[in-house]
Amino acid sequence: MHEGHLDAATATRRALLLGLAAAAAVPLVGCAGEDGGPDLVTAGGVDRVDPPADAPVATSVDGLADFGHRVLAAAAEPGANFVASPLSIALAFSMVRAGAGGTTAKELDAVFGFPASGRDQAYNAISGQLATVDIPPKPKARQRDGSTKPGPPVVSIGNALFPQQGFAVGANFLRTLAEQYAAGVRPVDFGGDALDQINAWVDRQTAGRIKKVFDSLDPGTSLVLANTVYFKADWRSYFLDIADAAFTKADGTVIRTPTMRNGLRIRYAETAGISAIELPYAEGPYAMWLMLPPPGGKPEDALAHQVLARLRDSFTELQVEVAVPRWDFDSSIDLREVLAKLGITAAFQAGADFSGIAPGLFISAAVHKANITVDEWGSEAAAVTGIAMAMSGPPPTQARFTADRPFAFAIVGGQDRIPLFIGRVSDPSAARSS
């Protein structure tokens, strides 16, 4: 992590990386150590490498910012709270992309805005810019008052591969994961306790904020790729003036909620009716951008990449009277559904090309979970992205059909299977009326 003054472009890239919801700074973790999970297997002599100076970081961040805005539009329920880490999702799928080819790779590149070359090196550089620790420390209860000194930020990014014991994974793919993503390989048994071990790793990597990534996994799963993101930072200036104040929800109803107030000399900007502030965290180049749309406007419009760029160029330091509520919530996303809306389909179907990982693989499940807490002392957030992959086998030779719930029927005839009668059976115990 580099301290000190940042130029405008670098500051914006960092802000874009650390933000998606109006709560913007959501962070990340490095390679895990001993955590009580499955044994960590590392390839002899393969360590994370330093990325080249010309890695396409700016292109990757631009694609990431655009992807984050589109994920919010595709996944968030109208008028509901939403938080996600586009960086966590992109890191997980960048790892998958390292083993993809053909149409599968092209769709991933288009949706995530991956650069034509140097993608792995760019995400290596991005992680290196942000991460301050490999594993976040265990949370500690502590008493706070106005004299408590702000602590240094904790930013962690974790990547891991959990293959079925004995499952053969491509050597070049494993090398890329080790060199560019510091991803440890942890063999598990998906017919046994794999789910518990994966979730235990997630719990450790998120300092207990996310207990599990998957609720269940098919015993036929071949491997899981996971990324975690964790962020915790104190404000440079605490908000010690707290009182209930009115907040008008999207549907027009007004509630009273604890609201934090402070007079701060901070960066402020306005563009296209959107006002924004930059709240700095202590001891590092991290900040939260808060964007307020005009009355009747949509908050998500402020997260468009072009709008963020205009805000960046408009920021000016002013004395600002700040009043913002506390918030604490989480979100969960079925990424197969959301990414299909954005244009990724091949990866989720039999016939997907992940030959660089192993022939015949496709993504059978993909989930993202995130949460965030913002209070008078600072912010804490965590995210996890899990991708389960399975083999697409031959067509089944047996099947079971049990009509134990309402079903439809049709009587068809002739070579063209012309429907003579159609209907629906909702209650087979009913009798004819005549």
Protein backbone atom coordinates (compact mmCIF):
# COMPACT_ATOMS: atom_id res chain seq x y z
CA MET A 1 0.00 0.00 0.00
CA HIS A 2 1.34 3.38 -0.95
CA GLU A 3 0.73 6.28 1.38
CA GLY A 4 0.74 9.96 0.58
CA HIS A 5 -0.75 12.22 -2.04
CA LEU A 6 -2.50 10.59 -5.00
CA ASP A 7 -3.05 12.09 -8.43
CA ALA A 8 -6.68 12.47 -9.50
CA ALA A 9 -6.74 9.47 -11.83
CA THR A 10 -5.20 7.14 -9.24
CA ALA A 11 -7.55 8.41 -6.55
CA THR A 12 -10.52 7.76 -8.78
CA ARG A 13 -9.38 4.27 -9.67
CA ARG A 14 -9.07 3.47 -5.98
CA ALA A 15 -12.49 4.95 -5.25
CA LEU A 16 -14.06 2.96 -8.07
CA LEU A 17 -12.45 -0.22 -6.82
CA LEU A 18 -13.70 0.34 -3.31
CA GLY A 19 -17.25 1.30 -4.14
CA LEU A 20 -20.53 0.09 -5.58
CA ALA A 21 -23.41 0.87 -3.28
CA ALA A 22 -23.88 4.35 -1.86
CA ALA A 23 -21.71 3.01 0.90
CA ALA A 24 -18.77 2.71 -1.43
CA ALA A 25 -15.65 1.36 0.24
CA VAL A 26 -15.83 -2.44 0.09
CA PRO A 27 -12.46 -4.26 0.23
CA LEU A 28 -10.45 -7.43 -0.11
CA VAL A 29 -7.98 -10.16 1.17
CA GLY A 30 -4.78 -12.00 0.32
CA CYS A 31 -3.69 -15.64 0.49
CA ALA A 32 -4.92 -17.47 3.56
CA GLY A 33 -2.75 -19.14 6.14
CA GLU A 34 -3.73 -21.72 8.72
CA ASP A 35 -7.42 -21.36 9.46
CA GLY A 36 -8.60 -24.77 10.55
CA GLY A 37 -9.85 -25.56 7.04
CA PRO A 38 -8.60 -28.12 4.52
CA ASP A 39 -4.88 -28.59 4.02
CA LEU A 40 -3.27 -25.94 1.86
CA VAL A 41 -1.45 -27.40 -1.14
CA THR A 42 1.08 -25.20 -2.91
CA ALA A 43 3.06 -25.91 -6.05
CA GLY A 44 6.74 -26.18 -5.27
CA GLY A 45 8.60 -23.01 -6.19
CA VAL A 46 5.48 -21.12 -7.30
CA ASP A 47 4.96 -17.84 -5.45
CA ARG A 48 2.98 -14.73 -6.21
CA VAL A 49 4.92 -12.55 -8.63
CA ASP A 50 5.13 -8.78 -8.86
CA PRO A 51 2.99 -7.46 -11.73
CA PRO A 52 4.70 -5.56 -14.54
CA ALA A 53 4.57 -1.77 -14.47
CA ASP A 54 2.58 -1.73 -17.72
CA ALA A 55 -0.19 -4.05 -16.53
CA PRO A 56 -3.51 -2.71 -17.94
CA VAL A 57 -4.85 -1.52 -14.60
CA ALA A 58 -6.69 1.56 -15.90
CA THR A 59 -8.54 -0.47 -18.56
CA SER A 60 -9.46 -3.10 -15.98
CA VAL A 61 -10.75 -0.50 -13.49
CA ASP A 62 -12.84 1.16 -16.19
CA GLY A 63 -14.40 -2.19 -17.05
CA LEU A 64 -14.90 -2.96 -13.38
CA ALA A 65 -16.67 0.33 -12.71
CA ASP A 66 -19.00 -0.18 -15.66
CA PHE A 67 -19.68 -3.77 -14.59
CA GLY A 68 -20.53 -2.67 -11.03
CA HIS A 69 -23.12 -0.19 -12.26
CA ARG A 70 -24.75 -2.82 -14.49
CA VAL A 71 -24.79 -5.40 -11.69
CA LEU A 72 -26.64 -2.97 -9.45
CA ALA A 73 -29.20 -2.32 -12.20
CA ALA A 74 -29.67 -6.04 -12.85
CA ALA A 75 -29.64 -7.34 -9.27
CA ALA A 76 -31.06 -4.68 -6.94
CA GLU A 77 -34.76 -4.70 -6.10
CA PRO A 78 -36.37 -1.30 -6.78
CA GLY A 79 -36.29 0.87 -3.67
CA ALA A 80 -34.38 -1.71 -1.61
CA ASN A 81 -30.97 -1.50 0.06
CA PHE A 82 -28.17 -3.09 -1.93
CA VAL A 83 -24.47 -3.72 -1.42
CA ALA A 84 -22.02 -5.69 -3.54
CA SER A 85 -18.31 -5.82 -4.28
CA PRO A 86 -17.82 -5.73 -8.04
CA LEU A 87 -14.13 -6.32 -7.36
CA SER A 88 -14.85 -9.60 -5.56
CA ILE A 89 -17.08 -10.81 -8.38
CA ALA A 90 -14.57 -9.77 -11.03
CA LEU A 91 -11.63 -11.38 -9.24
CA ALA A 92 -13.48 -14.70 -8.96
CA PHE A 93 -14.46 -14.64 -12.62
CA SER A 94 -11.02 -13.45 -13.68
CA MET A 95 -9.66 -16.62 -12.11
CA VAL A 96 -12.23 -18.68 -14.01
CA ARG A 97 -11.38 -16.76 -17.19
CA ALA A 98 -7.78 -17.94 -16.86
CA GLY A 99 -8.99 -21.38 -17.90
CA ALA A 100 -11.64 -20.37 -20.45
CA GLY A 101 -11.63 -20.34 -24.23
CA GLY A 102 -13.85 -19.77 -27.25
CA THR A 103 -17.29 -18.23 -26.79
CA THR A 104 -17.09 -18.78 -23.04
CA ALA A 105 -14.04 -16.51 -22.81
CA LYS A 106 -15.46 -13.89 -25.18
CA GLU A 107 -18.64 -13.49 -23.14
CA LEU A 108 -16.69 -13.11 -19.90
CA ASP A 109 -14.42 -10.50 -21.51
CA ALA A 110 -17.38 -8.51 -22.83
CA VAL A 111 -19.37 -8.41 -19.60
CA PHE A 112 -16.48 -7.75 -17.21
CA GLY A 113 -14.56 -5.42 -19.51
CA PHE A 114 -11.45 -7.58 -19.21
CA PRO A 115 -8.50 -6.25 -21.24
CA ALA A 116 -7.46 -8.10 -24.39
CA SER A 117 -4.20 -9.11 -22.70
CA GLY A 118 -2.64 -8.80 -19.28
CA ARG A 119 -5.85 -9.39 -17.33
CA ASP A 120 -4.25 -11.61 -14.67
CA GLN A 121 -1.38 -9.17 -14.17
CA ALA A 122 -3.80 -6.24 -13.90
CA TYR A 123 -5.86 -7.88 -11.16
CA ASN A 124 -2.65 -8.86 -9.40
CA ALA A 125 -1.66 -5.18 -9.43
CA ILE A 126 -5.11 -4.05 -8.29
CA SER A 127 -5.04 -6.42 -5.33
CA GLY A 128 -1.55 -5.28 -4.44
CA GLN A 129 -2.63 -1.63 -4.44
CA LEU A 130 -5.45 -2.28 -2.00
CA ALA A 131 -4.56 -5.10 0.39
CA THR A 132 -2.88 -4.28 3.70
CA VAL A 133 -3.04 -7.76 5.32
CA ASP A 134 -3.42 -11.36 4.16
CA ILE A 135 -5.98 -12.38 6.77
CA PRO A 136 -8.08 -9.89 8.76
CA PRO A 137 -7.53 -10.03 12.53
CA LYS A 138 -10.23 -11.46 14.72
CA PRO A 139 -12.73 -8.76 15.67
CA LYS A 140 -12.22 -7.28 19.12
CA ALA A 141 -14.82 -5.61 21.26
CA ARG A 142 -13.51 -2.23 22.35
CA GLN A 143 -14.83 0.74 24.17
CA ARG A 144 -14.83 3.97 22.20
CA ASP A 145 -15.01 7.59 23.14
CA GLY A 146 -13.99 10.83 21.54
CA SER A 147 -10.39 10.37 22.69
CA THR A 148 -9.95 6.98 20.97
CA LYS A 149 -7.32 7.30 18.26
CA PRO A 150 -8.36 6.06 14.79
CA GLY A 151 -6.64 2.83 13.83
CA PRO A 152 -5.02 1.92 10.51
CA PRO A 153 -7.27 0.48 7.80
CA VAL A 154 -7.50 -3.27 7.31
CA VAL A 155 -7.99 -4.38 3.71
CA SER A 156 -7.77 -8.02 2.75
CA ILE A 157 -8.30 -10.01 -0.47
CA GLY A 158 -8.45 -13.81 -0.41
CA ASN A 159 -8.57 -16.33 -3.25
CA ALA A 160 -8.79 -20.11 -3.01
CA LEU A 161 -9.40 -23.17 -5.16
CA PHE A 162 -11.20 -26.15 -3.60
CA PRO A 163 -10.98 -29.14 -5.98
CA GLN A 164 -12.46 -32.57 -5.36
CA GLN A 165 -9.78 -34.84 -3.96
CA GLY A 166 -8.05 -36.53 -6.89
CA PHE A 167 -9.58 -34.22 -9.52
CA ALA A 168 -7.00 -33.28 -12.17
CA VAL A 169 -6.68 -29.52 -12.73
CA GLY A 170 -4.59 -28.02 -15.54
CA ALA A 171 -1.03 -27.24 -14.49
CA ASN A 172 -0.88 -23.87 -16.28
CA PHE A 173 -4.15 -22.83 -14.64
CA LEU A 174 -2.79 -23.69 -11.20
CA ARG A 175 0.40 -21.76 -11.91
CA THR A 176 -1.57 -18.67 -12.97
CA LEU A 177 -3.71 -18.82 -9.82
CA ALA A 178 -0.60 -19.09 -7.64
CA GLU A 179 1.49 -16.43 -9.40
CA GLN A 180 -1.20 -13.80 -10.06
CA TYR A 181 -3.90 -14.42 -7.42
CA ALA A 182 -1.99 -16.04 -4.52
CA ALA A 183 -4.73 -18.68 -4.56
CA GLY A 184 -4.02 -21.69 -2.42
CA VAL A 185 -5.30 -25.12 -3.51
CA ARG A 186 -7.27 -26.94 -0.82
CA PRO A 187 -8.52 -30.42 -1.84
CA VAL A 188 -11.88 -31.38 -0.32
CA ASP A 189 -14.48 -34.13 -0.55
CA PHE A 190 -17.77 -32.86 -1.98
CA GLY A 191 -19.39 -36.09 -0.89
CA GLY A 192 -18.27 -35.35 2.66
CA ASP A 193 -17.55 -32.18 4.62
CA ALA A 194 -16.41 -29.91 1.75
CA LEU A 195 -19.20 -27.41 2.37
CA ASP A 196 -18.23 -26.99 6.03
CA GLN A 197 -14.57 -26.52 5.13
CA ILE A 198 -15.25 -23.95 2.41
CA ASN A 199 -17.60 -21.99 4.65
CA ALA A 200 -15.06 -22.09 7.49
CA TRP A 201 -12.49 -20.51 5.16
CA VAL A 202 -14.98 -17.81 4.19
CA ASP A 203 -15.81 -17.11 7.84
CA ARG A 204 -12.11 -16.70 8.66
CA GLN A 205 -11.35 -14.54 5.63
CA THR A 206 -14.20 -12.14 6.41
CA ALA A 207 -13.46 -11.83 10.15
CA GLY A 208 -16.73 -13.61 10.91
CA ARG A 209 -18.96 -11.22 8.97
CA ILE A 210 -19.98 -13.89 6.43
CA LYS A 211 -20.51 -17.36 7.85
CA LYS A 212 -21.06 -19.24 4.61
CA VAL A 213 -21.03 -18.73 0.88
CA PHE A 214 -23.07 -21.78 -0.17
CA ASP A 215 -26.06 -23.23 1.65
CA SER A 216 -25.59 -26.53 -0.18
CA LEU A 217 -23.43 -28.08 -2.89
CA ASP A 218 -24.14 -30.99 -5.20
CA PRO A 219 -22.01 -34.04 -4.29
CA GLY A 220 -21.04 -34.14 -7.97
CA THR A 221 -19.27 -30.77 -7.76
CA SER A 222 -15.76 -30.93 -9.21
CA LEU A 223 -14.32 -27.73 -7.75
CA VAL A 224 -15.12 -24.38 -6.14
CA LEU A 225 -13.31 -21.10 -6.73
CA ALA A 226 -13.81 -18.45 -4.06
CA ASN A 227 -12.82 -14.85 -3.46
CA THR A 228 -13.29 -12.85 -0.28
CA VAL A 229 -13.06 -9.13 0.32
CA TYR A 230 -12.80 -7.50 3.74
CA PHE A 231 -12.51 -3.82 4.67
CA LYS A 232 -12.41 -2.04 8.01
CA ALA A 233 -11.38 1.57 8.55
CA ASP A 234 -11.96 4.40 11.01
CA TRP A 235 -12.99 7.85 9.90
CA ARG A 236 -10.27 10.46 9.98
CA SER A 237 -12.78 12.51 12.01
CA TYR A 238 -15.40 10.71 14.08
CA PHE A 239 -19.09 11.64 14.01
CA LEU A 240 -19.87 12.19 17.69
CA ASP A 241 -23.02 14.27 17.24
CA ILE A 242 -25.82 11.73 16.73
CA ALA A 243 -29.56 12.34 16.89
CA ASP A 244 -32.67 10.98 15.22
CA ALA A 245 -33.62 12.81 12.03
CA ALA A 246 -36.10 12.39 9.20
CA PHE A 247 -35.25 10.21 6.20
CA THR A 248 -37.58 10.01 3.19
CA LYS A 249 -37.64 6.53 1.66
CA ALA A 250 -37.98 5.80 -2.06
CA ASP A 251 -41.74 5.26 -1.70
CA GLY A 252 -42.18 8.67 -0.07
CA THR A 253 -42.67 7.48 3.49
CA VAL A 254 -40.72 9.33 6.17
CA ILE A 255 -38.92 7.55 8.99
CA ARG A 256 -36.80 8.72 11.93
CA THR A 257 -33.31 7.23 12.02
CA PRO A 258 -30.06 7.87 13.94
CA THR A 259 -28.15 10.47 11.96
CA MET A 260 -24.49 11.42 12.31
CA ARG A 261 -23.40 15.05 12.01
CA ASN A 262 -20.08 16.80 11.72
CA GLY A 263 -18.60 19.95 10.22
CA LEU A 264 -15.65 18.89 8.07
CA ARG A 265 -13.26 20.39 5.58
CA ILE A 266 -13.54 17.75 2.88
CA ARG A 267 -13.88 17.40 -0.88
CA TYR A 268 -17.27 18.28 -2.36
CA ALA A 269 -18.61 18.14 -5.93
CA GLU A 270 -21.77 18.70 -7.95
CA THR A 271 -22.62 17.52 -11.46
CA ALA A 272 -25.91 16.97 -13.31
CA GLY A 273 -27.86 17.69 -10.13
CA ILE A 274 -25.89 15.11 -8.13
CA SER A 275 -23.98 16.32 -5.07
CA ALA A 276 -21.15 14.27 -3.63
CA ILE A 277 -18.70 14.28 -0.75
CA GLU A 278 -15.53 12.34 -0.07
CA LEU A 279 -15.22 11.17 3.54
CA PRO A 280 -11.58 10.23 4.21
CA TYR A 281 -10.57 7.31 6.37
CA ALA A 282 -7.60 7.54 8.72
CA GLU A 283 -4.03 6.59 7.90
CA GLY A 284 -4.31 5.64 4.27
CA PRO A 285 -5.49 6.51 0.77
CA TYR A 286 -9.03 5.28 1.37
CA ALA A 287 -12.25 7.25 1.31
CA MET A 288 -15.99 6.82 0.94
CA TRP A 289 -17.85 8.71 -1.74
CA LEU A 290 -21.45 9.54 -0.91
CA MET A 291 -23.59 10.65 -3.85
CA LEU A 292 -26.98 12.31 -3.40
CA PRO A 293 -29.22 12.47 -6.49
CA PRO A 294 -31.66 15.34 -7.06
CA PRO A 295 -35.15 14.89 -5.55
CA GLY A 296 -36.89 12.12 -7.49
CA GLY A 297 -33.61 10.92 -8.98
CA LYS A 298 -32.22 7.39 -8.77
CA PRO A 299 -29.16 6.83 -6.54
CA GLU A 300 -27.81 4.20 -8.94
CA ASP A 301 -27.50 6.82 -11.69
CA ALA A 302 -24.70 8.39 -9.65
CA LEU A 303 -22.70 5.16 -9.92
CA ALA A 304 -22.44 5.25 -13.71
CA HIS A 305 -18.79 5.30 -14.69
CA GLN A 306 -19.11 8.56 -16.61
CA VAL A 307 -20.80 10.30 -13.68
CA LEU A 308 -18.12 9.14 -11.25
CA ALA A 309 -15.45 10.46 -13.59
CA ARG A 310 -17.17 13.86 -13.78
CA LEU A 311 -17.49 14.00 -10.01
CA ARG A 312 -13.81 13.18 -9.64
CA ASP A 313 -12.88 16.09 -11.86
CA SER A 314 -15.24 18.43 -10.00
CA PHE A 315 -14.14 17.79 -6.41
CA THR A 316 -13.11 20.90 -4.48
CA GLU A 317 -12.17 21.16 -0.82
CA LEU A 318 -14.80 23.03 1.18
CA GLN A 319 -16.13 23.31 4.71
CA VAL A 320 -19.14 20.98 4.62
CA GLU A 321 -21.85 20.40 7.21
CA VAL A 322 -22.41 16.66 6.88
CA ALA A 323 -25.48 14.74 8.06
CA VAL A 324 -25.70 11.05 7.11
CA PRO A 325 -27.53 8.11 8.70
CA ARG A 326 -25.92 5.02 10.10
CA TRP A 327 -26.57 1.89 8.08
CA ASP A 328 -26.03 -1.83 8.45
CA PHE A 329 -27.37 -4.35 5.92
CA ASP A 330 -26.46 -7.17 3.54
CA SER A 331 -27.31 -8.49 0.08
CA SER A 332 -27.17 -11.86 -1.65
CA ILE A 333 -27.06 -12.41 -5.41
CA ASP A 334 -27.58 -15.47 -7.62
CA LEU A 335 -24.89 -14.60 -10.14
CA ARG A 336 -26.02 -17.16 -12.71
CA GLU A 337 -29.30 -15.28 -13.06
CA VAL A 338 -27.78 -11.80 -13.00
CA LEU A 339 -24.88 -12.52 -15.35
CA ALA A 340 -27.21 -14.22 -17.81
CA LYS A 341 -29.10 -10.91 -18.04
CA LEU A 342 -25.82 -9.17 -18.82
CA GLY A 343 -24.83 -11.60 -21.58
CA ILE A 344 -22.98 -14.55 -20.02
CA THR A 345 -24.69 -17.82 -20.98
CA ALA A 346 -22.10 -20.24 -22.38
CA ALA A 347 -20.25 -20.57 -19.05
CA PHE A 348 -23.38 -21.93 -17.36
CA GLN A 349 -24.21 -24.59 -19.94
CA ALA A 350 -22.94 -28.04 -20.84
CA GLY A 351 -20.42 -27.46 -23.59
CA ALA A 352 -18.76 -24.49 -21.86
CA ASP A 353 -15.08 -24.17 -22.70
CA PHE A 354 -13.05 -24.32 -19.52
CA SER A 355 -10.53 -26.68 -21.07
CA GLY A 356 -7.67 -24.80 -19.42
CA ILE A 357 -9.01 -25.99 -16.05
CA ALA A 358 -10.32 -29.42 -17.07
CA PRO A 359 -12.31 -30.73 -20.07
CA GLY A 360 -16.09 -30.85 -19.69
CA LEU A 361 -16.49 -28.30 -16.87
CA PHE A 362 -19.29 -25.75 -16.62
CA ILE A 363 -20.38 -23.36 -13.85
CA SER A 364 -23.14 -25.09 -11.90
CA ALA A 365 -23.59 -22.40 -9.22
CA ALA A 366 -22.35 -18.86 -8.64
CA VAL A 367 -23.27 -16.68 -5.68
CA HIS A 368 -22.22 -13.36 -4.18
CA LYS A 369 -22.85 -12.13 -0.66
CA ALA A 370 -21.89 -8.78 0.84
CA ASN A 371 -22.60 -6.71 3.92
CA ILE A 372 -21.65 -3.29 5.24
CA THR A 373 -21.81 -1.40 8.53
CA VAL A 374 -21.33 2.36 8.68
CA ASP A 375 -21.42 4.20 11.99
CA GLU A 376 -19.89 7.18 13.76
CA TRP A 377 -16.50 5.45 14.07
CA GLY A 378 -16.00 4.23 10.51
CA SER A 379 -16.95 1.44 8.14
CA GLU A 380 -16.66 -2.34 8.00
CA ALA A 381 -17.65 -4.43 4.99
CA ALA A 382 -17.16 -7.93 3.65
CA ALA A 383 -17.97 -9.82 0.49
CA VAL A 384 -17.59 -13.32 -0.91
CA THR A 385 -18.02 -14.73 -4.38
CA GLY A 386 -18.29 -18.49 -4.84
CA ILE A 387 -18.21 -20.34 -8.15
CA ALA A 388 -19.00 -24.07 -8.22
CA MET A 389 -18.07 -26.09 -11.29
CA ALA A 390 -19.19 -29.57 -12.33
CA MET A 391 -18.68 -31.94 -15.23
CA SER A 392 -21.27 -32.02 -18.01
CA GLY A 393 -21.82 -35.76 -18.35
CA PRO A 394 -23.54 -37.85 -21.06
CA PRO A 395 -27.35 -37.84 -21.39
CA PRO A 396 -29.03 -39.84 -18.61
CA THR A 397 -30.08 -43.42 -19.36
CA GLN A 398 -32.69 -43.46 -16.59
CA ALA A 399 -35.10 -40.93 -15.14
CA ARG A 400 -37.87 -40.69 -12.57
CA PHE A 401 -41.23 -38.97 -13.12
CA THR A 402 -43.48 -38.60 -10.10
CA ALA A 403 -46.63 -36.55 -10.65
CA ASP A 404 -47.15 -35.64 -7.00
CA ARG A 405 -48.11 -32.02 -7.58
CA PRO A 406 -50.29 -30.15 -10.10
CA PHE A 407 -49.36 -31.00 -13.68
CA ALA A 408 -50.48 -30.42 -17.25
CA PHE A 409 -51.54 -32.98 -19.84
CA ALA A 410 -52.24 -33.22 -23.55
CA ILE A 411 -53.71 -35.97 -25.70
CA VAL A 412 -51.96 -35.78 -29.05
CA GLY A 413 -52.38 -37.74 -32.25
CA GLY A 414 -51.01 -38.20 -35.73
CA GLN A 415 -47.44 -37.82 -36.94
CA ASP A 416 -47.58 -34.13 -36.10
CA ARG A 417 -48.75 -34.87 -32.54
CA ILE A 418 -51.85 -32.77 -32.90
CA PRO A 419 -53.34 -31.84 -29.51
CA LEU A 420 -56.83 -33.28 -29.18
CA PHE A 421 -57.26 -32.43 -25.53
CA ILE A 422 -55.18 -30.41 -23.10
CA GLY A 423 -55.64 -29.65 -19.44
CA ARG A 424 -54.25 -29.28 -15.94
CA VAL A 425 -54.64 -31.64 -13.00
CA SER A 426 -54.75 -29.70 -9.76
CA ASP A 427 -56.81 -32.12 -7.61
CA PRO A 428 -56.94 -35.75 -8.81
CA SER A 429 -59.42 -36.65 -6.04
CA ALA A 430 -62.16 -34.50 -7.56
CA ALA A 431 -65.08 -36.24 -9.31
CA ARG A 432 -66.95 -35.39 -12.48
CA SER A 433 -70.12 -33.42 -11.97
CA SER A 434 -72.05 -35.62 -14.40
